[in-house]
Protein backbone atom coordinates (compact mmCIF):
# COMPACT_ATOMS: atom_id res chain seq x y z
CA MET A 1 20.11 2.75 10.05
CA LYS A 2 16.82 4.61 10.37
CA PRO A 3 16.87 8.19 11.67
CA ARG A 4 15.54 8.95 15.12
CA THR A 5 12.07 10.48 15.22
CA PRO A 6 13.17 14.11 15.76
CA ALA A 7 15.51 13.86 12.77
CA ALA A 8 12.80 12.20 10.69
CA MET A 9 10.32 14.95 11.60
CA ARG A 10 12.84 17.66 10.68
CA GLN A 11 13.46 15.93 7.36
CA LEU A 12 9.71 15.70 6.68
CA ILE A 13 9.22 19.38 7.53
CA GLN A 14 12.05 20.34 5.18
CA GLN A 15 10.60 18.25 2.33
CA VAL A 16 7.13 19.75 2.80
CA ARG A 17 8.48 23.31 2.89
CA GLU A 18 10.46 22.68 -0.31
CA SER A 19 7.63 21.03 -2.24
CA LEU A 20 4.66 23.30 -1.43
CA PRO A 21 4.26 26.92 -2.58
CA PHE A 22 4.12 28.69 0.81
CA GLU A 23 5.74 31.80 -0.67
CA LEU A 24 3.04 32.50 -3.29
CA PRO A 25 1.02 35.69 -2.81
CA ALA A 26 -2.62 35.27 -1.77
CA ALA A 27 -3.85 36.86 -5.02
CA TYR A 28 -2.14 34.12 -7.04
CA VAL A 29 -3.25 31.28 -4.76
CA CYS A 30 -6.90 32.37 -4.91
CA ASN A 31 -6.99 32.84 -8.66
CA GLY A 32 -8.68 30.36 -10.99
CA VAL A 33 -10.01 26.90 -10.22
CA CYS A 34 -10.79 26.16 -6.59
CA ARG A 35 -11.50 22.65 -5.29
CA GLY A 36 -10.82 23.39 -1.66
CA CYS A 37 -9.43 26.65 -0.35
CA SER A 38 -5.72 26.50 -1.15
CA LEU A 39 -4.95 29.58 0.91
CA LYS A 40 -6.56 28.18 4.05
CA LEU A 41 -4.92 24.80 3.55
CA LEU A 42 -1.47 26.36 3.13
CA ASP A 43 -2.03 28.52 6.22
CA TYR A 44 -3.14 25.49 8.23
CA LEU A 45 -0.16 23.39 7.15
CA ASP A 46 2.26 26.26 7.78
CA LEU A 47 0.92 26.52 11.35
CA GLU A 48 1.31 22.77 11.84
CA LEU A 49 4.89 22.88 10.58
CA MET A 50 5.74 25.84 12.83
CA HIS A 51 4.14 24.00 15.77
CA TRP A 52 6.39 20.99 15.21
CA GLU A 53 9.46 23.14 14.60
CA ASN A 54 8.86 24.84 17.96
CA ARG A 55 8.28 21.52 19.74
CA LEU A 56 11.48 20.11 18.26
CA GLU A 57 13.43 23.18 19.40
CA GLU A 58 12.07 22.64 22.92
CA GLY A 59 13.35 19.07 22.88
CA ASP A 60 10.05 17.24 22.39
CA ALA A 61 10.36 13.98 20.49
CA PRO A 62 7.52 13.05 18.15
CA ASP A 63 6.41 9.47 17.90
CA LEU A 64 5.91 7.62 14.63
CA GLN A 65 2.18 8.37 14.69
CA ASP A 66 2.90 12.12 14.78
CA ILE A 67 5.20 11.82 11.78
CA GLN A 68 2.69 9.71 9.89
CA ARG A 69 -0.15 12.14 10.66
CA LEU A 70 1.83 15.14 9.41
CA ALA A 71 2.92 13.25 6.29
CA LYS A 72 -0.66 12.22 5.53
CA THR A 73 -1.98 15.75 6.02
CA SER A 74 0.78 17.17 3.82
CA PHE A 75 0.06 14.63 1.09
CA LYS A 76 -3.66 15.43 1.09
CA ILE A 77 -3.00 19.16 0.87
CA HIS A 78 -0.48 18.53 -1.93
CA ARG A 79 -3.20 16.71 -3.92
CA VAL A 80 -5.66 19.60 -3.49
CA LEU A 81 -3.02 22.08 -4.64
CA GLU A 82 -2.36 19.89 -7.69
CA LYS A 83 -6.06 19.87 -8.55
CA ASN A 84 -6.16 23.65 -8.17
CA GLY A 85 -3.23 24.00 -10.57
CA LEU A 86 -0.73 25.44 -8.08
CA ILE A 87 1.64 22.49 -8.32
CA GLN A 88 2.81 20.83 -11.51
CA VAL A 89 3.48 17.11 -11.34
């Protein structure tokens, strides 16, 4: 059985938070190769995740398009962080 959309969104948020280096200091993130500003991308994604966490707490239910959009954004940011050497594959 597939999870309901709020549960799926919570699961996606958890996976993104576990796989991306949100806890790295700015000096480390902005050091070395830069093919897109990793710091700004991490800040943007963190705000998006907090936005959805707040909406879920308020009882809002995302639709499948919302989940897909967040997953796509997270994947694109993950690729940039890989290219910048912040994530090892």
